[in-house]
């Protein structure tokens, strides 16, 4: 039996009232999983940047904004 089948079997055992709570818990778990994946991706980008030999020269926020024709 797959994990999906196990979960569906458990869900089928809840009453409609209990399912409202289960649905909220599942939404929270999904959000947490998505956030964790985003955090891992960002951490990997930062790690890659830190290990890069060619980081370039730092630029001030004002200079960067000006180069994009953005007024701060």
N, C-alpha and C. Protein backbone atom coordinates (compact mmCIF):
# COMPACT_ATOMS: atom_id res chain seq x y z
N UNK A 1 0.85 -1.18 0.00
CA UNK A 1 0.00 0.00 0.00
C UNK A 1 0.90 1.24 0.00
N UNK A 2 0.61 2.16 -0.90
CA UNK A 2 1.41 3.39 -1.00
C UNK A 2 1.07 4.35 0.13
N UNK A 3 1.92 5.34 0.33
CA UNK A 3 1.65 6.36 1.35
C UNK A 3 0.37 7.11 1.04
N UNK A 4 0.13 7.37 -0.24
CA UNK A 4 -1.08 8.07 -0.63
C UNK A 4 -2.32 7.25 -0.26
N UNK A 5 -2.25 5.96 -0.51
CA UNK A 5 -3.38 5.08 -0.17
C UNK A 5 -3.60 5.02 1.33
N UNK A 6 -2.50 4.96 2.09
CA UNK A 6 -2.61 4.95 3.55
C UNK A 6 -3.28 6.23 4.04
N UNK A 7 -2.83 7.36 3.49
CA UNK A 7 -3.40 8.65 3.90
C UNK A 7 -4.89 8.73 3.56
N UNK A 8 -5.25 8.28 2.38
CA UNK A 8 -6.65 8.31 1.99
C UNK A 8 -7.50 7.40 2.88
N UNK A 9 -6.95 6.27 3.27
CA UNK A 9 -7.66 5.36 4.17
C UNK A 9 -7.89 6.02 5.53
N UNK A 10 -6.88 6.71 6.02
CA UNK A 10 -7.01 7.41 7.31
C UNK A 10 -8.03 8.53 7.18
N UNK A 11 -7.95 9.30 6.11
CA UNK A 11 -8.88 10.41 5.89
C UNK A 11 -10.31 9.90 5.85
N UNK A 12 -10.52 8.78 5.21
CA UNK A 12 -11.87 8.21 5.13
C UNK A 12 -12.44 7.85 6.50
N UNK A 13 -11.57 7.67 7.49
CA UNK A 13 -12.05 7.30 8.82
C UNK A 13 -12.50 8.50 9.66
N UNK A 14 -12.24 9.73 9.21
CA UNK A 14 -12.64 10.93 9.95
C UNK A 14 -14.08 11.31 9.64
N UNK A 15 -14.70 11.98 10.61
CA UNK A 15 -16.03 12.56 10.39
C UNK A 15 -15.86 13.86 9.61
N UNK A 16 -16.96 14.38 9.07
CA UNK A 16 -16.88 15.65 8.33
C UNK A 16 -16.38 16.78 9.22
N UNK A 17 -16.78 16.79 10.47
CA UNK A 17 -16.33 17.83 11.40
C UNK A 17 -14.82 17.73 11.64
N UNK A 18 -14.34 16.50 11.80
CA UNK A 18 -12.90 16.31 12.02
C UNK A 18 -12.09 16.67 10.78
N UNK A 19 -12.68 16.51 9.60
CA UNK A 19 -11.97 16.80 8.36
C UNK A 19 -11.61 18.28 8.21
N UNK A 20 -12.40 19.15 8.81
CA UNK A 20 -12.07 20.58 8.76
C UNK A 20 -10.72 20.83 9.43
N UNK A 21 -10.49 20.20 10.57
CA UNK A 21 -9.21 20.33 11.26
C UNK A 21 -8.09 19.66 10.48
N UNK A 22 -8.38 18.50 9.95
CA UNK A 22 -7.38 17.77 9.16
C UNK A 22 -6.97 18.59 7.94
N UNK A 23 -7.94 19.21 7.29
CA UNK A 23 -7.65 20.04 6.11
C UNK A 23 -6.73 21.21 6.49
N UNK A 24 -7.01 21.84 7.62
CA UNK A 24 -6.16 22.95 8.08
C UNK A 24 -4.74 22.47 8.37
N UNK A 25 -4.64 21.31 8.99
CA UNK A 25 -3.32 20.75 9.28
C UNK A 25 -2.56 20.43 7.99
N UNK A 26 -3.26 19.88 7.01
CA UNK A 26 -2.61 19.55 5.74
C UNK A 26 -2.14 20.80 5.00
N UNK A 27 -2.94 21.86 5.03
CA UNK A 27 -2.53 23.11 4.39
C UNK A 27 -1.29 23.66 5.08
N UNK A 28 -1.26 23.62 6.40
CA UNK A 28 -0.08 24.10 7.15
C UNK A 28 1.15 23.26 6.84
N UNK A 29 0.98 21.95 6.77
CA UNK A 29 2.11 21.06 6.46
C UNK A 29 2.62 21.32 5.06
N UNK A 30 1.73 21.55 4.10
CA UNK A 30 2.14 21.82 2.72
C UNK A 30 2.89 23.14 2.64
N UNK A 31 2.39 24.15 3.33
CA UNK A 31 3.06 25.46 3.35
C UNK A 31 4.45 25.34 3.96
N UNK A 32 4.55 24.61 5.05
CA UNK A 32 5.85 24.39 5.69
C UNK A 32 6.81 23.68 4.75
N UNK A 33 6.34 22.66 4.05
CA UNK A 33 7.19 21.92 3.12
C UNK A 33 7.64 22.83 1.98
N UNK A 34 6.74 23.66 1.45
CA UNK A 34 7.10 24.59 0.38
C UNK A 34 8.13 25.61 0.87
N UNK A 35 7.91 26.14 2.07
CA UNK A 35 8.84 27.12 2.64
C UNK A 35 10.21 26.51 2.87
N UNK A 36 10.24 25.27 3.32
CA UNK A 36 11.51 24.58 3.55
C UNK A 36 12.26 24.39 2.25
N UNK A 37 11.55 24.04 1.19
CA UNK A 37 12.19 23.89 -0.13
C UNK A 37 12.73 25.22 -0.62
N UNK A 38 11.96 26.31 -0.43
CA UNK A 38 12.43 27.64 -0.83
C UNK A 38 13.67 28.04 -0.04
N UNK A 39 13.66 27.78 1.26
CA UNK A 39 14.81 28.12 2.10
C UNK A 39 16.05 27.34 1.67
N UNK A 40 15.88 26.07 1.35
CA UNK A 40 17.01 25.25 0.90
C UNK A 40 17.57 25.77 -0.41
N UNK A 41 16.69 26.18 -1.32
CA UNK A 41 17.13 26.73 -2.60
C UNK A 41 17.92 28.02 -2.39
N UNK A 42 17.40 28.91 -1.55
CA UNK A 42 18.09 30.18 -1.28
C UNK A 42 19.43 29.94 -0.60
N UNK A 43 19.49 29.01 0.32
CA UNK A 43 20.74 28.68 0.99
C UNK A 43 21.76 28.15 0.00
N UNK A 44 21.30 27.33 -0.95
CA UNK A 44 22.22 26.81 -1.96
C UNK A 44 22.74 27.93 -2.85
N UNK A 45 21.88 28.88 -3.22
CA UNK A 45 22.34 30.04 -4.01
C UNK A 45 23.41 30.82 -3.25
N UNK A 46 23.16 31.04 -1.96
CA UNK A 46 24.12 31.79 -1.14
C UNK A 46 25.44 31.03 -1.02
N UNK A 47 25.36 29.72 -0.80
CA UNK A 47 26.57 28.90 -0.70
C UNK A 47 27.36 28.92 -2.00
N UNK A 48 26.66 28.82 -3.12
CA UNK A 48 27.32 28.89 -4.42
C UNK A 48 28.00 30.23 -4.61
N UNK A 49 27.32 31.31 -4.21
CA UNK A 49 27.90 32.64 -4.32
C UNK A 49 29.15 32.76 -3.46
N UNK A 50 29.09 32.27 -2.22
CA UNK A 50 30.23 32.37 -1.32
C UNK A 50 31.44 31.62 -1.85
N UNK A 51 31.22 30.52 -2.56
CA UNK A 51 32.35 29.73 -3.06
C UNK A 51 32.82 30.19 -4.44
N UNK A 52 32.14 31.16 -5.03
CA UNK A 52 32.50 31.66 -6.35
C UNK A 52 33.71 32.58 -6.25
N UNK A 53 34.67 32.36 -7.12
CA UNK A 53 35.88 33.18 -7.11
C UNK A 53 35.63 34.55 -7.73
N UNK A 54 34.69 34.66 -8.65
CA UNK A 54 34.43 35.90 -9.37
C UNK A 54 33.14 36.55 -8.87
N UNK A 55 33.21 37.18 -7.70
CA UNK A 55 32.03 37.81 -7.10
C UNK A 55 31.81 39.21 -7.63
N UNK A 56 32.81 39.80 -8.25
CA UNK A 56 32.68 41.17 -8.73
C UNK A 56 32.88 42.15 -7.59
N UNK A 57 32.72 43.42 -7.93
CA UNK A 57 32.90 44.49 -6.95
C UNK A 57 31.55 44.85 -6.31
N UNK A 58 31.56 45.17 -5.03
CA UNK A 58 30.31 45.58 -4.39
C UNK A 58 29.79 46.89 -5.00
N UNK A 59 28.48 47.04 -5.05
CA UNK A 59 27.85 48.24 -5.58
C UNK A 59 26.83 48.71 -4.56
N UNK A 60 26.78 50.02 -4.34
CA UNK A 60 25.81 50.55 -3.39
C UNK A 60 24.40 50.40 -3.96
N UNK A 61 23.44 50.38 -3.08
CA UNK A 61 22.05 50.27 -3.50
C UNK A 61 21.67 51.46 -4.39
N UNK A 62 22.14 52.62 -4.04
CA UNK A 62 21.82 53.82 -4.81
C UNK A 62 22.39 53.72 -6.23
N UNK A 63 23.62 53.24 -6.36
CA UNK A 63 24.23 53.09 -7.69
C UNK A 63 23.50 52.05 -8.52
N UNK A 64 23.14 50.96 -7.88
CA UNK A 64 22.42 49.90 -8.59
C UNK A 64 21.06 50.40 -9.06
N UNK A 65 20.35 51.11 -8.18
CA UNK A 65 19.04 51.67 -8.54
C UNK A 65 19.19 52.66 -9.69
N UNK A 66 20.19 53.51 -9.61
CA UNK A 66 20.43 54.49 -10.68
C UNK A 66 20.71 53.80 -12.02
N UNK A 67 21.45 52.70 -11.99
CA UNK A 67 21.77 51.99 -13.24
C UNK A 67 20.51 51.40 -13.88
N UNK A 68 19.47 51.21 -13.08
CA UNK A 68 18.21 50.68 -13.59
C UNK A 68 17.17 51.80 -13.80
N UNK A 69 17.62 53.05 -13.68
CA UNK A 69 16.73 54.20 -13.79
C UNK A 69 15.59 54.18 -12.76
N UNK A 70 15.94 53.75 -11.55
CA UNK A 70 14.99 53.72 -10.44
C UNK A 70 15.37 54.81 -9.46
N UNK A 71 14.40 55.63 -9.07
CA UNK A 71 14.66 56.67 -8.08
C UNK A 71 14.23 56.17 -6.71
N UNK A 72 15.13 56.24 -5.75
CA UNK A 72 14.81 55.82 -4.39
C UNK A 72 14.29 56.98 -3.57
